Amino acid sequence: MPVRLKKLIGTFLLVVLIAVYALLATIIAVAHLGQSSVWVQLAYFFFTGFLWILPAMYLLWWMVQPPKTR
C-alpha cells in the first residue's frame, strides 16, 4: 500500500479513535464517578488522558512504515 494512502487512512482512523475514545471515557466518568472524590476523578482523567496514546502510537507507526517490496 502506498505511504500516502496509508497516511490518509491513518488520519481518518486517528480522528475516529480520538472522538470515540473521548466519548466513551466521558460516558464512563459521568456514569460512575459522579459521587467520587476529587482525587479519584483526577486519577481517572489523568489515566484515561494518557491511555489513548498507546493505540495512536501504533497507528502512527503503521502510517510511516515504507511499503513492503515484493
N, C-alpha and C. Protein backbone atom coordinates (compact mmCIF):
# COMPACT_ATOMS: atom_id res chain seq x y z
N MET A 1 0.85 -1.17 0.00
CA MET A 1 0.00 0.00 0.00
C MET A 1 0.90 1.23 0.00
N PRO A 2 0.62 2.20 -0.83
CA PRO A 2 1.44 3.41 -0.87
C PRO A 2 1.37 4.18 0.46
N VAL A 3 2.45 4.86 0.77
CA VAL A 3 2.53 5.60 2.03
C VAL A 3 1.47 6.69 2.10
N ARG A 4 1.22 7.36 1.00
CA ARG A 4 0.22 8.44 1.00
C ARG A 4 -1.18 7.91 1.34
N LEU A 5 -1.52 6.75 0.81
CA LEU A 5 -2.83 6.15 1.11
C LEU A 5 -2.89 5.71 2.58
N LYS A 6 -1.80 5.14 3.07
CA LYS A 6 -1.76 4.75 4.48
C LYS A 6 -1.91 5.96 5.38
N LYS A 7 -1.30 7.07 5.02
CA LYS A 7 -1.41 8.28 5.84
C LYS A 7 -2.83 8.84 5.81
N LEU A 8 -3.48 8.76 4.67
CA LEU A 8 -4.87 9.23 4.57
C LEU A 8 -5.78 8.37 5.43
N ILE A 9 -5.66 7.06 5.29
CA ILE A 9 -6.48 6.14 6.09
C ILE A 9 -6.16 6.31 7.58
N GLY A 10 -4.88 6.41 7.91
CA GLY A 10 -4.47 6.57 9.29
C GLY A 10 -4.98 7.85 9.91
N THR A 11 -5.01 8.92 9.13
CA THR A 11 -5.51 10.20 9.64
C THR A 11 -6.98 10.09 10.00
N PHE A 12 -7.77 9.51 9.12
CA PHE A 12 -9.19 9.34 9.42
C PHE A 12 -9.39 8.42 10.62
N LEU A 13 -8.64 7.33 10.68
CA LEU A 13 -8.75 6.42 11.82
C LEU A 13 -8.34 7.08 13.13
N LEU A 14 -7.34 7.93 13.09
CA LEU A 14 -6.89 8.63 14.29
C LEU A 14 -7.96 9.59 14.80
N VAL A 15 -8.60 10.30 13.90
CA VAL A 15 -9.68 11.22 14.29
C VAL A 15 -10.84 10.44 14.90
N VAL A 16 -11.20 9.31 14.28
CA VAL A 16 -12.28 8.49 14.80
C VAL A 16 -11.90 7.91 16.17
N LEU A 17 -10.66 7.43 16.29
CA LEU A 17 -10.19 6.88 17.56
C LEU A 17 -10.31 7.91 18.68
N ILE A 18 -9.85 9.11 18.44
CA ILE A 18 -9.87 10.13 19.48
C ILE A 18 -11.31 10.51 19.84
N ALA A 19 -12.16 10.65 18.84
CA ALA A 19 -13.55 11.03 19.11
C ALA A 19 -14.28 9.95 19.90
N VAL A 20 -14.15 8.70 19.47
CA VAL A 20 -14.85 7.60 20.16
C VAL A 20 -14.27 7.40 21.55
N TYR A 21 -12.96 7.47 21.68
CA TYR A 21 -12.33 7.29 22.99
C TYR A 21 -12.76 8.38 23.97
N ALA A 22 -12.77 9.62 23.52
CA ALA A 22 -13.18 10.72 24.40
C ALA A 22 -14.64 10.56 24.82
N LEU A 23 -15.48 10.15 23.89
CA LEU A 23 -16.89 9.96 24.21
C LEU A 23 -17.08 8.84 25.23
N LEU A 24 -16.40 7.72 25.01
CA LEU A 24 -16.52 6.60 25.95
C LEU A 24 -15.96 6.94 27.33
N ALA A 25 -14.81 7.60 27.37
CA ALA A 25 -14.22 7.98 28.65
C ALA A 25 -15.13 8.93 29.41
N THR A 26 -15.78 9.84 28.72
CA THR A 26 -16.68 10.78 29.37
C THR A 26 -17.94 10.09 29.86
N ILE A 27 -18.49 9.19 29.05
CA ILE A 27 -19.70 8.47 29.46
C ILE A 27 -19.42 7.63 30.71
N ILE A 28 -18.28 6.95 30.73
CA ILE A 28 -17.92 6.15 31.90
C ILE A 28 -17.73 7.04 33.13
N ALA A 29 -17.09 8.18 32.94
CA ALA A 29 -16.87 9.09 34.06
C ALA A 29 -18.18 9.62 34.63
N VAL A 30 -19.08 10.01 33.75
CA VAL A 30 -20.36 10.55 34.22
C VAL A 30 -21.18 9.47 34.91
N ALA A 31 -21.14 8.25 34.39
CA ALA A 31 -21.95 7.17 34.95
C ALA A 31 -21.41 6.66 36.28
N HIS A 32 -20.08 6.68 36.47
CA HIS A 32 -19.52 6.01 37.64
C HIS A 32 -18.79 6.93 38.62
N LEU A 33 -18.42 8.11 38.21
CA LEU A 33 -17.60 8.95 39.08
C LEU A 33 -18.33 10.17 39.63
N GLY A 34 -19.63 10.20 39.53
CA GLY A 34 -20.39 11.36 39.97
C GLY A 34 -20.22 11.67 41.45
N GLN A 35 -20.18 10.66 42.28
CA GLN A 35 -20.08 10.87 43.72
C GLN A 35 -18.69 10.58 44.27
N SER A 36 -17.73 10.38 43.39
CA SER A 36 -16.37 10.08 43.82
C SER A 36 -15.66 11.34 44.27
N SER A 37 -14.57 11.13 44.98
CA SER A 37 -13.80 12.27 45.45
C SER A 37 -13.05 12.92 44.28
N VAL A 38 -12.56 14.09 44.53
CA VAL A 38 -11.81 14.82 43.51
C VAL A 38 -10.55 14.06 43.11
N TRP A 39 -9.93 13.38 44.05
CA TRP A 39 -8.69 12.65 43.76
C TRP A 39 -8.94 11.45 42.86
N VAL A 40 -10.06 10.78 43.07
CA VAL A 40 -10.41 9.65 42.20
C VAL A 40 -10.70 10.15 40.79
N GLN A 41 -11.42 11.24 40.69
CA GLN A 41 -11.72 11.83 39.38
C GLN A 41 -10.44 12.29 38.69
N LEU A 42 -9.56 12.92 39.44
CA LEU A 42 -8.29 13.37 38.88
C LEU A 42 -7.46 12.20 38.37
N ALA A 43 -7.39 11.13 39.15
CA ALA A 43 -6.64 9.94 38.74
C ALA A 43 -7.26 9.30 37.50
N TYR A 44 -8.58 9.23 37.45
CA TYR A 44 -9.26 8.65 36.28
C TYR A 44 -8.95 9.45 35.02
N PHE A 45 -9.12 10.76 35.09
CA PHE A 45 -8.90 11.56 33.89
C PHE A 45 -7.42 11.63 33.52
N PHE A 46 -6.54 11.56 34.49
CA PHE A 46 -5.11 11.50 34.18
C PHE A 46 -4.78 10.21 33.44
N PHE A 47 -5.29 9.09 33.96
CA PHE A 47 -5.04 7.79 33.34
C PHE A 47 -5.65 7.70 31.95
N THR A 48 -6.92 8.07 31.83
CA THR A 48 -7.58 7.98 30.53
C THR A 48 -7.05 9.02 29.55
N GLY A 49 -6.51 10.11 30.07
CA GLY A 49 -5.92 11.11 29.19
C GLY A 49 -4.66 10.62 28.50
N PHE A 50 -3.96 9.69 29.13
CA PHE A 50 -2.75 9.14 28.52
C PHE A 50 -2.97 7.78 27.85
N LEU A 51 -4.05 7.11 28.17
CA LEU A 51 -4.28 5.76 27.66
C LEU A 51 -4.50 5.73 26.14
N TRP A 52 -5.10 6.76 25.57
CA TRP A 52 -5.37 6.77 24.13
C TRP A 52 -4.08 6.85 23.32
N ILE A 53 -2.99 7.20 23.95
CA ILE A 53 -1.72 7.35 23.23
C ILE A 53 -1.22 6.00 22.72
N LEU A 54 -1.49 4.92 23.42
CA LEU A 54 -0.99 3.60 23.01
C LEU A 54 -1.52 3.18 21.64
N PRO A 55 -2.83 3.17 21.40
CA PRO A 55 -3.28 2.81 20.05
C PRO A 55 -2.89 3.87 19.01
N ALA A 56 -2.82 5.12 19.42
CA ALA A 56 -2.42 6.17 18.48
C ALA A 56 -0.97 6.00 18.06
N MET A 57 -0.10 5.59 18.98
CA MET A 57 1.31 5.36 18.63
C MET A 57 1.43 4.23 17.62
N TYR A 58 0.69 3.16 17.83
CA TYR A 58 0.75 2.05 16.89
C TYR A 58 0.23 2.48 15.52
N LEU A 59 -0.84 3.24 15.50
CA LEU A 59 -1.40 3.72 14.24
C LEU A 59 -0.42 4.63 13.51
N LEU A 60 0.22 5.52 14.24
CA LEU A 60 1.21 6.40 13.62
C LEU A 60 2.42 5.61 13.12
N TRP A 61 2.83 4.59 13.85
CA TRP A 61 3.94 3.75 13.42
C TRP A 61 3.58 3.05 12.11
N TRP A 62 2.34 2.54 12.03
CA TRP A 62 1.89 1.88 10.81
C TRP A 62 1.85 2.85 9.63
N MET A 63 1.46 4.08 9.89
CA MET A 63 1.33 5.07 8.82
C MET A 63 2.67 5.40 8.17
N VAL A 64 3.74 5.42 8.92
CA VAL A 64 5.03 5.86 8.37
C VAL A 64 5.90 4.72 7.87
N GLN A 65 5.44 3.49 8.01
CA GLN A 65 6.23 2.37 7.53
C GLN A 65 6.31 2.41 6.00
N PRO A 66 7.50 2.18 5.45
CA PRO A 66 7.61 2.17 3.98
C PRO A 66 6.90 0.94 3.41
N PRO A 67 6.47 1.03 2.17
CA PRO A 67 5.78 -0.12 1.56
C PRO A 67 6.71 -1.33 1.48
N LYS A 68 6.13 -2.50 1.64
CA LYS A 68 6.92 -3.72 1.57
C LYS A 68 7.24 -4.04 0.11
N THR A 69 8.48 -4.40 -0.15
CA THR A 69 8.87 -4.75 -1.50
C THR A 69 8.57 -6.23 -1.74
N ARG A 70 8.28 -6.55 -2.96
CA ARG A 70 7.92 -7.93 -3.28
C ARG A 70 9.10 -8.66 -3.84
